[in-house]
């Protein structure tokens, strides 16, 4: 049975697990969402939300002073794998990690 939706956690340093999520992200999907391919995709900070599965909102360094905020979601109760479901672009190191 699916769990009740909860709020996002406080912002924390990204973990090795969250970097693995970024590494496994389909760069083709990120490219499709933003029209750009990223050579660097380094997780820096994150927030998580436990729902029917989990949501991961991660601050990712992509090049120079540019960051993106991808949102990854999983719904194991529907047998759906972790997926890149959205991404905010043109972010900077000091921009807040705000759910969208």
Protein backbone atom coordinates (compact mmCIF):
# COMPACT_ATOMS: atom_id res chain seq x y z
CA UNK A 1 0.00 0.00 0.00
CA UNK A 2 1.22 3.52 -0.79
CA UNK A 3 2.27 5.87 2.01
CA UNK A 4 0.84 9.32 2.74
CA UNK A 5 2.67 12.24 1.14
CA UNK A 6 5.17 14.05 3.36
CA UNK A 7 7.12 17.29 2.98
CA UNK A 8 10.62 17.71 1.65
CA UNK A 9 13.55 17.38 4.05
CA UNK A 10 15.91 20.19 4.91
CA UNK A 11 18.73 20.85 2.44
CA UNK A 12 21.79 18.68 3.13
CA UNK A 13 25.04 17.79 1.40
CA UNK A 14 24.49 15.26 -1.37
CA UNK A 15 25.37 11.67 -0.54
CA UNK A 16 27.15 9.01 -2.60
CA UNK A 17 23.73 7.43 -3.19
CA UNK A 18 22.41 10.68 -4.65
CA UNK A 19 25.46 10.94 -6.89
CA UNK A 20 24.70 7.40 -8.07
CA UNK A 21 21.18 8.58 -8.92
CA UNK A 22 22.69 11.40 -10.98
CA UNK A 23 25.16 9.02 -12.63
CA UNK A 24 22.33 6.67 -13.60
CA UNK A 25 20.18 9.51 -14.96
CA UNK A 26 19.63 9.27 -18.64
CA UNK A 27 21.66 12.13 -20.10
CA UNK A 28 19.48 11.73 -23.18
CA UNK A 29 16.42 12.49 -21.06
CA UNK A 30 18.12 15.53 -19.46
CA UNK A 31 19.17 16.65 -22.93
CA UNK A 32 15.60 16.23 -24.18
CA UNK A 33 14.18 18.21 -21.25
CA UNK A 34 16.62 21.14 -21.58
CA UNK A 35 17.97 20.81 -25.12
CA UNK A 36 21.54 20.44 -23.88
CA UNK A 37 23.99 17.64 -23.06
CA UNK A 38 25.98 17.90 -19.81
CA UNK A 39 29.61 16.72 -19.58
CA UNK A 40 29.66 17.21 -15.79
CA UNK A 41 26.75 16.18 -13.53
CA UNK A 42 28.00 16.42 -9.92
CA UNK A 43 25.52 16.25 -7.03
CA UNK A 44 26.22 18.97 -4.43
CA UNK A 45 23.13 19.29 -2.20
CA UNK A 46 19.79 17.55 -1.92
CA UNK A 47 16.36 17.35 -0.41
CA UNK A 48 14.24 14.22 -0.24
CA UNK A 49 10.56 13.53 0.15
CA UNK A 50 9.01 10.21 1.10
CA UNK A 51 5.76 9.65 -0.75
CA UNK A 52 4.39 6.48 -2.34
CA UNK A 53 8.05 6.10 -3.21
CA UNK A 54 10.61 8.86 -2.96
CA UNK A 55 11.43 12.16 -4.60
CA UNK A 56 14.98 13.47 -4.80
CA UNK A 57 15.58 17.15 -5.54
CA UNK A 58 19.30 17.60 -6.13
CA UNK A 59 21.50 20.65 -6.79
CA UNK A 60 23.84 19.50 -9.56
CA UNK A 61 26.92 21.31 -10.85
CA UNK A 62 27.03 21.04 -14.65
CA UNK A 63 29.73 23.50 -15.83
CA UNK A 64 31.46 26.72 -14.83
CA UNK A 65 29.06 28.63 -12.60
CA UNK A 66 25.99 26.76 -13.87
CA UNK A 67 23.87 24.38 -11.83
CA UNK A 68 20.62 22.56 -12.51
CA UNK A 69 17.99 21.22 -10.11
CA UNK A 70 16.73 17.85 -11.36
CA UNK A 71 13.82 16.08 -9.68
CA UNK A 72 13.95 12.29 -9.60
CA UNK A 73 10.90 10.25 -8.56
CA UNK A 74 10.24 6.60 -7.89
CA UNK A 75 6.94 4.84 -7.31
CA UNK A 76 7.79 1.29 -6.23
CA UNK A 77 4.18 0.61 -5.21
CA UNK A 78 3.36 1.03 -8.93
CA UNK A 79 6.51 -0.89 -9.88
CA UNK A 80 7.99 2.15 -11.61
CA UNK A 81 11.77 2.71 -11.44
CA UNK A 82 13.51 5.95 -10.44
CA UNK A 83 13.01 8.49 -13.21
CA UNK A 84 14.08 12.03 -14.04
CA UNK A 85 10.69 13.78 -13.92
CA UNK A 86 11.69 17.44 -14.16
CA UNK A 87 14.63 19.81 -14.20
CA UNK A 88 15.19 23.51 -13.51
CA UNK A 89 18.03 25.13 -15.44
CA UNK A 90 20.12 28.31 -15.23
CA UNK A 91 20.66 27.88 -11.50
CA UNK A 92 23.64 29.05 -9.49
CA UNK A 93 25.52 27.72 -6.44
CA UNK A 94 23.58 29.94 -4.01
CA UNK A 95 20.09 29.42 -5.46
CA UNK A 96 17.65 27.77 -3.06
CA UNK A 97 16.62 24.18 -3.71
CA UNK A 98 12.85 24.75 -3.95
CA UNK A 99 10.38 21.96 -4.82
CA UNK A 100 8.65 22.45 -8.16
